[in-house]
Amino acid sequence: MAFLFRLIWKNKPKSGIVGFTLGTALFLLPDAYNPAYYLRSWMGELSIASWILLVVGAWRFSTERWLVTGLDLRLFCGLILLAGSLVYPASFGAPLADFYRFGFGNFILFGWVIPVLGGLLALAGYRVTGLWLMLSACAYGLGLLESTNAWDYLIDASAFFTAGICLFVSFFPKPVASEW
């Protein structure tokens, strides 16, 4: 047993790959033992923004490289914060614009404006932001989530708070290895 432990310790993989593998294995567990099951029952379904943030984070954690540029990440997180800041107070009756007055999803907005804006952003080099908008509009059009509310495809509470943290952290310079 000690030999096996020394062999594993000497040839240990990167911590990101181990964490990613353990996280993936947790999702294969049956519902009663699956942490994602309890998270979903508490929060509902994840929006497209949350899925993109999960993929970007898992990629960074497992490969130690960024999948997204700094400016694209700031725009992505900033738009999530802007959308959440407008939509969430309106859903609680705050006197901002009522996004729900015309129904849960406006065809012109989610059928044309958001996908075209996403395509233009992707062509301008903001790939993740453009992909988010285009995938959200497509997922809403196909009805891939249980919700009939179009805004649930764009943002959710976990994406809103995660984007806030990511945007805040992105403005601080990264420490150089010699400073450790």
Protein backbone atom coordinates (compact mmCIF):
# COMPACT_ATOMS: atom_id res chain seq x y z
CA MET A 1 0.00 0.00 0.00
CA ALA A 2 2.81 2.40 0.83
CA PHE A 3 4.42 1.62 -2.53
CA LEU A 4 1.20 2.49 -4.35
CA PHE A 5 0.86 5.74 -2.39
CA ARG A 6 4.48 6.74 -3.21
CA LEU A 7 3.94 5.87 -6.88
CA ILE A 8 0.80 8.00 -7.08
CA TRP A 9 2.42 10.86 -5.13
CA LYS A 10 5.53 10.85 -7.32
CA ASN A 11 3.53 10.83 -10.58
CA LYS A 12 0.57 12.88 -9.42
CA PRO A 13 -1.43 14.66 -12.12
CA LYS A 14 -2.20 18.36 -12.08
CA SER A 15 -4.71 19.30 -9.40
CA GLY A 16 -7.00 20.83 -12.02
CA ILE A 17 -7.38 17.55 -13.86
CA VAL A 18 -8.07 15.69 -10.62
CA GLY A 19 -10.70 18.25 -9.58
CA PHE A 20 -12.32 18.23 -13.00
CA THR A 21 -12.44 14.40 -13.02
CA LEU A 22 -13.95 14.26 -9.51
CA GLY A 23 -16.51 16.92 -10.43
CA THR A 24 -17.48 15.03 -13.57
CA ALA A 25 -17.77 11.78 -11.61
CA LEU A 26 -20.15 13.45 -9.13
CA PHE A 27 -22.55 14.25 -11.98
CA LEU A 28 -22.79 10.55 -12.85
CA LEU A 29 -24.19 9.63 -9.44
CA PRO A 30 -27.92 8.83 -9.09
CA ASP A 31 -30.22 11.71 -8.11
CA ALA A 32 -30.33 11.01 -4.37
CA TYR A 33 -26.50 11.14 -4.15
CA ASN A 34 -25.87 13.81 -6.77
CA PRO A 35 -25.01 17.31 -5.49
CA ALA A 36 -26.22 18.80 -8.79
CA TYR A 37 -29.68 17.36 -8.10
CA TYR A 38 -29.97 19.36 -4.88
CA LEU A 39 -28.54 22.48 -6.51
CA ARG A 40 -31.09 22.24 -9.31
CA SER A 41 -33.96 21.76 -6.88
CA TRP A 42 -32.86 24.89 -5.06
CA MET A 43 -32.06 27.12 -8.07
CA GLY A 44 -33.87 25.71 -11.08
CA GLU A 45 -32.14 25.18 -14.38
CA LEU A 46 -28.89 26.87 -15.26
CA SER A 47 -28.97 29.50 -17.96
CA ILE A 48 -26.73 29.44 -21.02
CA ALA A 49 -24.52 32.03 -19.29
CA SER A 50 -24.01 29.71 -16.32
CA TRP A 51 -23.09 26.83 -18.61
CA ILE A 52 -20.56 29.00 -20.43
CA LEU A 53 -19.08 30.17 -17.11
CA LEU A 54 -18.83 26.53 -15.99
CA VAL A 55 -17.07 25.49 -19.20
CA VAL A 56 -14.67 28.45 -19.06
CA GLY A 57 -13.91 27.75 -15.39
CA ALA A 58 -13.46 24.01 -15.92
CA TRP A 59 -11.19 24.67 -18.89
CA ARG A 60 -9.08 27.11 -16.88
CA PHE A 61 -8.98 24.77 -13.90
CA SER A 62 -7.99 21.68 -15.89
CA THR A 63 -5.58 23.17 -18.45
CA GLU A 64 -4.33 26.26 -16.57
CA ARG A 65 -5.02 28.33 -19.73
CA TRP A 66 -7.81 30.77 -20.46
CA LEU A 67 -10.40 29.90 -23.07
CA VAL A 68 -11.43 33.55 -23.33
CA THR A 69 -9.56 36.84 -23.67
CA GLY A 70 -9.63 39.38 -20.87
CA LEU A 71 -11.69 41.95 -22.78
CA ASP A 72 -14.21 39.33 -23.92
CA LEU A 73 -14.58 38.06 -20.35
CA ARG A 74 -15.14 41.60 -19.06
CA LEU A 75 -17.77 42.31 -21.73
CA PHE A 76 -19.48 38.96 -21.08
CA CYS A 77 -19.59 39.49 -17.31
CA GLY A 78 -20.56 43.14 -17.70
CA LEU A 79 -23.53 42.30 -19.94
CA ILE A 80 -24.68 39.61 -17.51
CA LEU A 81 -24.53 42.15 -14.67
CA LEU A 82 -26.34 44.78 -16.75
CA ALA A 83 -29.10 42.36 -17.77
CA GLY A 84 -29.50 41.10 -14.21
CA SER A 85 -29.53 44.63 -12.81
CA LEU A 86 -32.37 45.52 -15.17
CA VAL A 87 -34.42 42.34 -15.10
CA TYR A 88 -34.28 41.26 -11.44
CA PRO A 89 -35.58 44.52 -9.89
CA ALA A 90 -38.34 44.62 -12.54
CA SER A 91 -39.41 41.11 -11.62
CA PHE A 92 -39.89 42.28 -8.02
CA GLY A 93 -42.01 45.25 -9.10
CA ALA A 94 -39.38 47.98 -8.98
CA PRO A 95 -40.35 51.00 -11.09
CA LEU A 96 -37.86 50.24 -13.87
CA ALA A 97 -38.92 49.16 -17.33
CA ASP A 98 -41.29 46.20 -17.18
CA PHE A 99 -39.65 43.48 -19.27
CA TYR A 100 -42.60 41.17 -18.70
CA ARG A 101 -45.29 43.49 -20.04
CA PHE A 102 -45.04 42.07 -23.55
CA GLY A 103 -44.86 38.46 -22.40
CA PHE A 104 -41.96 36.37 -21.21
CA GLY A 105 -40.14 36.50 -24.54
CA ASN A 106 -40.50 39.11 -27.23
CA PHE A 107 -40.07 37.60 -30.72
CA ILE A 108 -38.34 40.67 -32.14
CA LEU A 109 -35.87 40.85 -29.26
CA PHE A 110 -35.11 37.13 -28.91
CA GLY A 111 -35.77 36.18 -32.53
CA TRP A 112 -33.75 38.91 -34.24
CA VAL A 113 -32.00 41.51 -32.08
CA ILE A 114 -30.14 39.22 -29.66
CA PRO A 115 -28.93 36.67 -32.26
CA VAL A 116 -27.80 39.39 -34.68
CA LEU A 117 -26.03 41.26 -31.87
CA GLY A 118 -24.39 38.00 -30.84
CA GLY A 119 -23.21 37.34 -34.38
CA LEU A 120 -21.80 40.84 -34.71
CA LEU A 121 -19.97 40.53 -31.39
CA ALA A 122 -18.55 37.15 -32.42
CA LEU A 123 -17.34 38.62 -35.72
CA ALA A 124 -15.78 41.54 -33.83
CA GLY A 125 -13.68 39.11 -31.79
CA TYR A 126 -15.85 38.77 -28.69
CA ARG A 127 -16.44 35.06 -29.24
CA VAL A 128 -17.74 34.03 -25.83
CA THR A 129 -20.13 36.97 -25.55
CA GLY A 130 -21.43 36.42 -29.07
CA LEU A 131 -21.78 32.70 -28.49
CA TRP A 132 -23.71 33.34 -25.28
CA LEU A 133 -26.25 35.58 -27.01
CA MET A 134 -26.67 33.31 -30.04
CA LEU A 135 -26.96 30.11 -27.97
CA SER A 136 -29.44 31.75 -25.58
CA ALA A 137 -31.68 32.84 -28.46
CA CYS A 138 -31.44 29.44 -30.15
CA ALA A 139 -32.12 27.55 -26.92
CA TYR A 140 -35.14 29.76 -26.25
CA GLY A 141 -36.45 29.27 -29.78
CA LEU A 142 -36.08 25.49 -29.43
CA GLY A 143 -37.50 25.46 -25.88
CA LEU A 144 -34.56 23.51 -24.45
CA LEU A 145 -35.16 24.58 -20.85
CA GLU A 146 -38.33 23.97 -18.85
CA SER A 147 -38.93 27.68 -18.41
CA THR A 148 -41.03 29.67 -20.86
CA ASN A 149 -39.35 32.87 -19.68
CA ALA A 150 -36.79 34.04 -22.25
CA TRP A 151 -34.73 35.85 -19.63
CA ASP A 152 -34.09 32.52 -17.89
CA TYR A 153 -32.15 31.46 -20.97
CA LEU A 154 -29.90 34.52 -20.81
CA ILE A 155 -29.15 34.88 -17.09
CA ASP A 156 -29.81 33.32 -13.71
CA ALA A 157 -28.80 34.17 -10.17
CA SER A 158 -25.67 32.01 -10.18
CA ALA A 159 -24.45 33.60 -13.42
CA PHE A 160 -25.23 37.06 -12.06
CA PHE A 161 -23.19 36.60 -8.88
CA THR A 162 -20.38 34.69 -10.61
CA ALA A 163 -20.11 37.38 -13.27
CA GLY A 164 -19.88 40.03 -10.57
CA ILE A 165 -17.01 38.23 -8.90
CA CYS A 166 -15.23 37.56 -12.22
CA LEU A 167 -15.58 41.18 -13.31
CA PHE A 168 -14.32 42.47 -9.96
CA VAL A 169 -11.30 40.13 -9.96
CA SER A 170 -10.45 40.88 -13.60
CA PHE A 171 -9.51 44.47 -12.76
CA PHE A 172 -6.73 43.46 -10.39
CA PRO A 173 -3.29 42.67 -11.77
CA LYS A 174 -2.26 39.06 -11.58
CA PRO A 175 0.74 38.34 -9.28
CA VAL A 176 3.95 37.36 -11.01
CA ALA A 177 5.45 33.99 -10.10
CA SER A 178 8.48 35.72 -8.54
CA GLU A 179 6.19 37.52 -6.05
CA TRP A 180 5.03 34.22 -4.53
